[in-house]
All heavy atoms as atom14 arrays in JSON, in Angstrom:
{
  "sequence": "DVIVYSDLIKVKIALDNGEILGIETSGYLNSH",
  "atom14_mask": [
    [1, 1, 1, 1, 1, 1, 1, 1, 0, 0, 0, 0, 0, 0],
    [1, 1, 1, 1, 1, 1, 1, 0, 0, 0, 0, 0, 0, 0],
    [1, 1, 1, 1, 1, 1, 1, 1, 0, 0, 0, 0, 0, 0],
    [1, 1, 1, 1, 1, 1, 1, 0, 0, 0, 0, 0, 0, 0],
    [1, 1, 1, 1, 1, 1, 1, 1, 1, 1, 1, 1, 0, 0],
    [1, 1, 1, 1, 1, 1, 0, 0, 0, 0, 0, 0, 0, 0],
    [1, 1, 1, 1, 1, 1, 1, 1, 0, 0, 0, 0, 0, 0],
    [1, 1, 1, 1, 1, 1, 1, 1, 0, 0, 0, 0, 0, 0],
    [1, 1, 1, 1, 1, 1, 1, 1, 0, 0, 0, 0, 0, 0],
    [1, 1, 1, 1, 1, 1, 1, 1, 1, 0, 0, 0, 0, 0],
    [1, 1, 1, 1, 1, 1, 1, 0, 0, 0, 0, 0, 0, 0],
    [1, 1, 1, 1, 1, 1, 1, 1, 1, 0, 0, 0, 0, 0],
    [1, 1, 1, 1, 1, 1, 1, 1, 0, 0, 0, 0, 0, 0],
    [1, 1, 1, 1, 1, 0, 0, 0, 0, 0, 0, 0, 0, 0],
    [1, 1, 1, 1, 1, 1, 1, 1, 0, 0, 0, 0, 0, 0],
    [1, 1, 1, 1, 1, 1, 1, 1, 0, 0, 0, 0, 0, 0],
    [1, 1, 1, 1, 1, 1, 1, 1, 0, 0, 0, 0, 0, 0],
    [1, 1, 1, 1, 0, 0, 0, 0, 0, 0, 0, 0, 0, 0],
    [1, 1, 1, 1, 1, 1, 1, 1, 1, 0, 0, 0, 0, 0],
    [1, 1, 1, 1, 1, 1, 1, 1, 0, 0, 0, 0, 0, 0],
    [1, 1, 1, 1, 1, 1, 1, 1, 0, 0, 0, 0, 0, 0],
    [1, 1, 1, 1, 0, 0, 0, 0, 0, 0, 0, 0, 0, 0],
    [1, 1, 1, 1, 1, 1, 1, 1, 0, 0, 0, 0, 0, 0],
    [1, 1, 1, 1, 1, 1, 1, 1, 1, 0, 0, 0, 0, 0],
    [1, 1, 1, 1, 1, 1, 1, 0, 0, 0, 0, 0, 0, 0],
    [1, 1, 1, 1, 1, 1, 0, 0, 0, 0, 0, 0, 0, 0],
    [1, 1, 1, 1, 0, 0, 0, 0, 0, 0, 0, 0, 0, 0],
    [1, 1, 1, 1, 1, 1, 1, 1, 1, 1, 1, 1, 0, 0],
    [1, 1, 1, 1, 1, 1, 1, 1, 0, 0, 0, 0, 0, 0],
    [1, 1, 1, 1, 1, 1, 1, 1, 0, 0, 0, 0, 0, 0],
    [1, 1, 1, 1, 1, 1, 0, 0, 0, 0, 0, 0, 0, 0],
    [1, 1, 1, 1, 1, 1, 1, 1, 1, 1, 0, 0, 0, 0]
  ],
  "atom14_positions": [
    [[13.78, 56.64, -86.38], [13.07, 57.35, -87.45], [11.55, 57.27, -87.34], [10.83, 57.56, -88.3], [13.5, 56.86, -88.84], [14.95, 57.22, -89.14], [15.38, 58.31, -88.72], [15.64, 56.41, -89.78], [0.0, 0.0, 0.0], [0.0, 0.0, 0.0], [0.0, 0.0, 0.0], [0.0, 0.0, 0.0], [0.0, 0.0, 0.0], [0.0, 0.0, 0.0]],
    [[11.03, 56.89, -86.18], [9.59, 56.88, -85.92], [9.3, 58.05, -84.97], [9.92, 58.16, -83.92], [9.12, 55.55, -85.29], [7.63, 55.6, -84.99], [9.46, 54.37, -86.19], [0.0, 0.0, 0.0], [0.0, 0.0, 0.0], [0.0, 0.0, 0.0], [0.0, 0.0, 0.0], [0.0, 0.0, 0.0], [0.0, 0.0, 0.0], [0.0, 0.0, 0.0]],
    [[8.38, 58.91, -85.36], [8.0, 60.03, -84.49], [6.98, 59.53, -83.48], [6.06, 58.82, -83.83], [7.47, 61.22, -85.33], [7.4, 62.49, -84.51], [6.15, 60.93, -85.97], [8.67, 63.24, -84.44], [0.0, 0.0, 0.0], [0.0, 0.0, 0.0], [0.0, 0.0, 0.0], [0.0, 0.0, 0.0], [0.0, 0.0, 0.0], [0.0, 0.0, 0.0]],
    [[7.21, 59.84, -82.21], [6.35, 59.36, -81.13], [5.63, 60.57, -80.53], [6.16, 61.26, -79.65], [7.16, 58.6, -80.05], [6.24, 58.06, -78.96], [7.97, 57.46, -80.69], [0.0, 0.0, 0.0], [0.0, 0.0, 0.0], [0.0, 0.0, 0.0], [0.0, 0.0, 0.0], [0.0, 0.0, 0.0], [0.0, 0.0, 0.0], [0.0, 0.0, 0.0]],
    [[4.42, 60.83, -81.02], [3.67, 62.01, -80.58], [3.2, 61.88, -79.14], [2.91, 62.9, -78.5], [2.47, 62.26, -81.51], [2.87, 62.72, -82.88], [2.69, 61.91, -83.99], [3.44, 63.97, -83.08], [3.05, 62.33, -85.26], [3.81, 64.4, -84.34], [3.61, 63.58, -85.42], [3.97, 64.0, -86.68], [0.0, 0.0, 0.0], [0.0, 0.0, 0.0]],
    [[3.14, 60.68, -78.6], [2.76, 60.5, -77.2], [3.79, 61.14, -76.27], [3.45, 61.62, -75.18], [2.65, 59.01, -76.85], [1.83, 58.34, -77.77], [0.0, 0.0, 0.0], [0.0, 0.0, 0.0], [0.0, 0.0, 0.0], [0.0, 0.0, 0.0], [0.0, 0.0, 0.0], [0.0, 0.0, 0.0], [0.0, 0.0, 0.0], [0.0, 0.0, 0.0]],
    [[5.04, 61.14, -76.68], [6.13, 61.69, -75.87], [6.37, 63.14, -76.29], [7.35, 63.48, -76.93], [7.41, 60.88, -76.08], [7.31, 59.46, -75.56], [6.23, 59.05, -75.12], [8.33, 58.75, -75.59], [0.0, 0.0, 0.0], [0.0, 0.0, 0.0], [0.0, 0.0, 0.0], [0.0, 0.0, 0.0], [0.0, 0.0, 0.0], [0.0, 0.0, 0.0]],
    [[5.45, 64.0, -75.92], [5.46, 65.39, -76.36], [5.95, 66.31, -75.25], [5.6, 66.14, -74.08], [4.03, 65.8, -76.76], [3.89, 67.11, -77.51], [4.48, 66.97, -78.91], [2.42, 67.48, -77.61], [0.0, 0.0, 0.0], [0.0, 0.0, 0.0], [0.0, 0.0, 0.0], [0.0, 0.0, 0.0], [0.0, 0.0, 0.0], [0.0, 0.0, 0.0]],
    [[6.77, 67.28, -75.64], [7.22, 68.34, -74.74], [6.96, 69.67, -75.43], [7.26, 69.83, -76.61], [8.72, 68.21, -74.41], [9.0, 66.91, -73.66], [9.2, 69.41, -73.59], [10.48, 66.67, -73.36], [0.0, 0.0, 0.0], [0.0, 0.0, 0.0], [0.0, 0.0, 0.0], [0.0, 0.0, 0.0], [0.0, 0.0, 0.0], [0.0, 0.0, 0.0]],
    [[6.42, 70.63, -74.67], [6.18, 71.97, -75.2], [7.17, 72.92, -74.54], [7.33, 72.91, -73.32], [4.76, 72.43, -74.9], [3.71, 71.58, -75.59], [2.31, 72.05, -75.23], [1.28, 71.14, -75.89], [-0.08, 71.58, -75.62], [0.0, 0.0, 0.0], [0.0, 0.0, 0.0], [0.0, 0.0, 0.0], [0.0, 0.0, 0.0], [0.0, 0.0, 0.0]],
    [[7.84, 73.73, -75.37], [8.81, 74.7, -74.87], [8.38, 76.09, -75.32], [8.08, 76.32, -76.49], [10.23, 74.38, -75.39], [11.23, 75.42, -74.88], [10.67, 72.98, -74.99], [0.0, 0.0, 0.0], [0.0, 0.0, 0.0], [0.0, 0.0, 0.0], [0.0, 0.0, 0.0], [0.0, 0.0, 0.0], [0.0, 0.0, 0.0], [0.0, 0.0, 0.0]],
    [[8.36, 77.01, -74.36], [7.95, 78.4, -74.6], [9.21, 79.27, -74.61], [9.97, 79.29, -73.63], [7.0, 78.81, -73.47], [6.26, 80.09, -73.67], [5.13, 80.2, -72.63], [5.49, 81.15, -71.55], [4.38, 81.44, -70.62], [0.0, 0.0, 0.0], [0.0, 0.0, 0.0], [0.0, 0.0, 0.0], [0.0, 0.0, 0.0], [0.0, 0.0, 0.0]],
    [[9.43, 79.98, -75.74], [10.66, 80.73, -75.95], [10.35, 82.18, -76.28], [9.52, 82.46, -77.17], [11.48, 80.11, -77.11], [11.77, 78.63, -76.81], [12.78, 80.87, -77.35], [12.21, 77.83, -78.01], [0.0, 0.0, 0.0], [0.0, 0.0, 0.0], [0.0, 0.0, 0.0], [0.0, 0.0, 0.0], [0.0, 0.0, 0.0], [0.0, 0.0, 0.0]],
    [[11.03, 83.12, -75.6], [10.89, 84.55, -75.9], [11.66, 84.85, -77.18], [12.83, 84.46, -77.31], [11.42, 85.38, -74.74], [0.0, 0.0, 0.0], [0.0, 0.0, 0.0], [0.0, 0.0, 0.0], [0.0, 0.0, 0.0], [0.0, 0.0, 0.0], [0.0, 0.0, 0.0], [0.0, 0.0, 0.0], [0.0, 0.0, 0.0], [0.0, 0.0, 0.0]],
    [[11.02, 85.53, -78.11], [11.66, 85.83, -79.4], [12.49, 87.11, -79.38], [13.09, 87.47, -80.38], [10.59, 85.89, -80.5], [9.91, 84.55, -80.8], [8.75, 84.74, -81.77], [10.91, 83.53, -81.33], [0.0, 0.0, 0.0], [0.0, 0.0, 0.0], [0.0, 0.0, 0.0], [0.0, 0.0, 0.0], [0.0, 0.0, 0.0], [0.0, 0.0, 0.0]],
    [[12.55, 87.77, -78.22], [13.41, 88.95, -78.13], [14.85, 88.57, -77.76], [15.8, 89.19, -78.24], [12.85, 90.0, -77.17], [12.64, 89.5, -75.75], [12.83, 88.29, -75.47], [12.26, 90.33, -74.89], [0.0, 0.0, 0.0], [0.0, 0.0, 0.0], [0.0, 0.0, 0.0], [0.0, 0.0, 0.0], [0.0, 0.0, 0.0], [0.0, 0.0, 0.0]],
    [[15.01, 87.53, -76.93], [16.37, 87.17, -76.52], [16.6, 85.65, -76.4], [17.67, 85.24, -75.97], [16.72, 87.85, -75.19], [15.86, 87.36, -74.04], [15.03, 86.47, -74.19], [16.07, 87.96, -72.87], [0.0, 0.0, 0.0], [0.0, 0.0, 0.0], [0.0, 0.0, 0.0], [0.0, 0.0, 0.0], [0.0, 0.0, 0.0], [0.0, 0.0, 0.0]],
    [[15.6, 84.83, -76.72], [15.77, 83.38, -76.68], [15.62, 82.76, -75.3], [15.88, 81.56, -75.13], [0.0, 0.0, 0.0], [0.0, 0.0, 0.0], [0.0, 0.0, 0.0], [0.0, 0.0, 0.0], [0.0, 0.0, 0.0], [0.0, 0.0, 0.0], [0.0, 0.0, 0.0], [0.0, 0.0, 0.0], [0.0, 0.0, 0.0], [0.0, 0.0, 0.0]],
    [[15.18, 83.53, -74.33], [15.0, 82.99, -72.98], [13.89, 81.93, -72.98], [12.85, 82.1, -73.6], [14.62, 84.12, -72.02], [14.43, 83.67, -70.59], [14.01, 84.81, -69.66], [13.64, 85.89, -70.14], [14.06, 84.58, -68.44], [0.0, 0.0, 0.0], [0.0, 0.0, 0.0], [0.0, 0.0, 0.0], [0.0, 0.0, 0.0], [0.0, 0.0, 0.0]],
    [[14.16, 80.84, -72.27], [13.15, 79.8, -72.1], [12.2, 80.27, -71.01], [12.6, 80.48, -69.87], [13.79, 78.45, -71.7], [14.83, 78.0, -72.72], [12.7, 77.39, -71.5], [14.31, 77.75, -74.11], [0.0, 0.0, 0.0], [0.0, 0.0, 0.0], [0.0, 0.0, 0.0], [0.0, 0.0, 0.0], [0.0, 0.0, 0.0], [0.0, 0.0, 0.0]],
    [[10.92, 80.45, -71.39], [9.93, 80.97, -70.44], [9.03, 79.86, -69.89], [8.31, 80.1, -68.92], [9.05, 82.03, -71.12], [9.78, 83.27, -71.62], [8.8, 84.2, -72.32], [10.49, 83.97, -70.47], [0.0, 0.0, 0.0], [0.0, 0.0, 0.0], [0.0, 0.0, 0.0], [0.0, 0.0, 0.0], [0.0, 0.0, 0.0], [0.0, 0.0, 0.0]],
    [[9.07, 78.69, -70.5], [8.23, 77.62, -70.0], [8.54, 76.3, -70.65], [9.1, 76.24, -71.75], [0.0, 0.0, 0.0], [0.0, 0.0, 0.0], [0.0, 0.0, 0.0], [0.0, 0.0, 0.0], [0.0, 0.0, 0.0], [0.0, 0.0, 0.0], [0.0, 0.0, 0.0], [0.0, 0.0, 0.0], [0.0, 0.0, 0.0], [0.0, 0.0, 0.0]],
    [[8.21, 75.24, -69.93], [8.36, 73.89, -70.45], [7.26, 73.03, -69.83], [6.99, 73.15, -68.63], [9.77, 73.3, -70.19], [9.89, 71.9, -70.8], [10.1, 73.31, -68.73], [11.32, 71.35, -70.8], [0.0, 0.0, 0.0], [0.0, 0.0, 0.0], [0.0, 0.0, 0.0], [0.0, 0.0, 0.0], [0.0, 0.0, 0.0], [0.0, 0.0, 0.0]],
    [[6.63, 72.23, -70.65], [5.57, 71.33, -70.19], [5.94, 69.93, -70.66], [6.05, 69.69, -71.86], [4.22, 71.79, -70.77], [3.02, 71.18, -70.07], [2.66, 69.82, -70.62], [2.42, 69.71, -71.82], [2.64, 68.86, -69.82], [0.0, 0.0, 0.0], [0.0, 0.0, 0.0], [0.0, 0.0, 0.0], [0.0, 0.0, 0.0], [0.0, 0.0, 0.0]],
    [[6.18, 69.04, -69.72], [6.73, 67.72, -70.04], [5.83, 66.55, -69.68], [6.26, 65.4, -69.78], [8.07, 67.53, -69.29], [7.82, 67.62, -67.89], [9.11, 68.55, -69.71], [0.0, 0.0, 0.0], [0.0, 0.0, 0.0], [0.0, 0.0, 0.0], [0.0, 0.0, 0.0], [0.0, 0.0, 0.0], [0.0, 0.0, 0.0], [0.0, 0.0, 0.0]],
    [[4.6, 66.8, -69.27], [3.78, 65.7, -68.75], [3.56, 64.59, -69.78], [3.56, 63.41, -69.42], [2.45, 66.22, -68.2], [1.71, 66.86, -69.21], [0.0, 0.0, 0.0], [0.0, 0.0, 0.0], [0.0, 0.0, 0.0], [0.0, 0.0, 0.0], [0.0, 0.0, 0.0], [0.0, 0.0, 0.0], [0.0, 0.0, 0.0], [0.0, 0.0, 0.0]],
    [[3.34, 64.93, -71.05], [3.17, 63.89, -72.06], [4.38, 62.97, -72.13], [4.26, 61.74, -72.14], [0.0, 0.0, 0.0], [0.0, 0.0, 0.0], [0.0, 0.0, 0.0], [0.0, 0.0, 0.0], [0.0, 0.0, 0.0], [0.0, 0.0, 0.0], [0.0, 0.0, 0.0], [0.0, 0.0, 0.0], [0.0, 0.0, 0.0], [0.0, 0.0, 0.0]],
    [[5.56, 63.56, -72.15], [6.8, 62.8, -72.21], [6.99, 61.98, -70.93], [7.25, 60.77, -70.99], [7.98, 63.75, -72.41], [9.31, 63.06, -72.56], [9.82, 62.8, -73.82], [10.06, 62.69, -71.46], [11.05, 62.18, -73.98], [11.28, 62.07, -71.6], [11.77, 61.81, -72.86], [12.98, 61.17, -73.0], [0.0, 0.0, 0.0], [0.0, 0.0, 0.0]],
    [[6.86, 62.62, -69.78], [7.13, 61.93, -68.52], [6.13, 60.81, -68.25], [6.48, 59.81, -67.63], [7.12, 62.94, -67.37], [8.25, 63.97, -67.4], [8.08, 64.97, -66.27], [9.62, 63.31, -67.35], [0.0, 0.0, 0.0], [0.0, 0.0, 0.0], [0.0, 0.0, 0.0], [0.0, 0.0, 0.0], [0.0, 0.0, 0.0], [0.0, 0.0, 0.0]],
    [[4.89, 60.97, -68.69], [3.88, 59.94, -68.44], [3.93, 58.77, -69.41], [3.38, 57.71, -69.11], [2.47, 60.56, -68.49], [2.2, 61.42, -67.28], [2.69, 61.17, -66.19], [1.41, 62.46, -67.48], [0.0, 0.0, 0.0], [0.0, 0.0, 0.0], [0.0, 0.0, 0.0], [0.0, 0.0, 0.0], [0.0, 0.0, 0.0], [0.0, 0.0, 0.0]],
    [[4.58, 58.92, -70.55], [4.51, 57.83, -71.52], [5.84, 57.39, -72.1], [5.89, 56.39, -72.8], [3.56, 58.22, -72.67], [4.08, 59.3, -73.4], [0.0, 0.0, 0.0], [0.0, 0.0, 0.0], [0.0, 0.0, 0.0], [0.0, 0.0, 0.0], [0.0, 0.0, 0.0], [0.0, 0.0, 0.0], [0.0, 0.0, 0.0], [0.0, 0.0, 0.0]],
    [[6.93, 58.1, -71.82], [8.2, 57.76, -72.47], [8.74, 56.41, -72.02], [8.82, 56.1, -70.83], [9.25, 58.83, -72.21], [10.54, 58.54, -72.9], [10.66, 58.57, -74.27], [11.75, 58.18, -72.42], [11.9, 58.25, -74.6], [12.58, 57.99, -73.5], [0.0, 0.0, 0.0], [0.0, 0.0, 0.0], [0.0, 0.0, 0.0], [0.0, 0.0, 0.0]]
  ]
}
């Protein structure tokens, strides 16, 4: 129940069909 903002992932989603267009995981991978 603690939110860990250091472990951040950004996901880019198309709103026409839900396709995942991008993901950025460096925050998560560098600090998780």
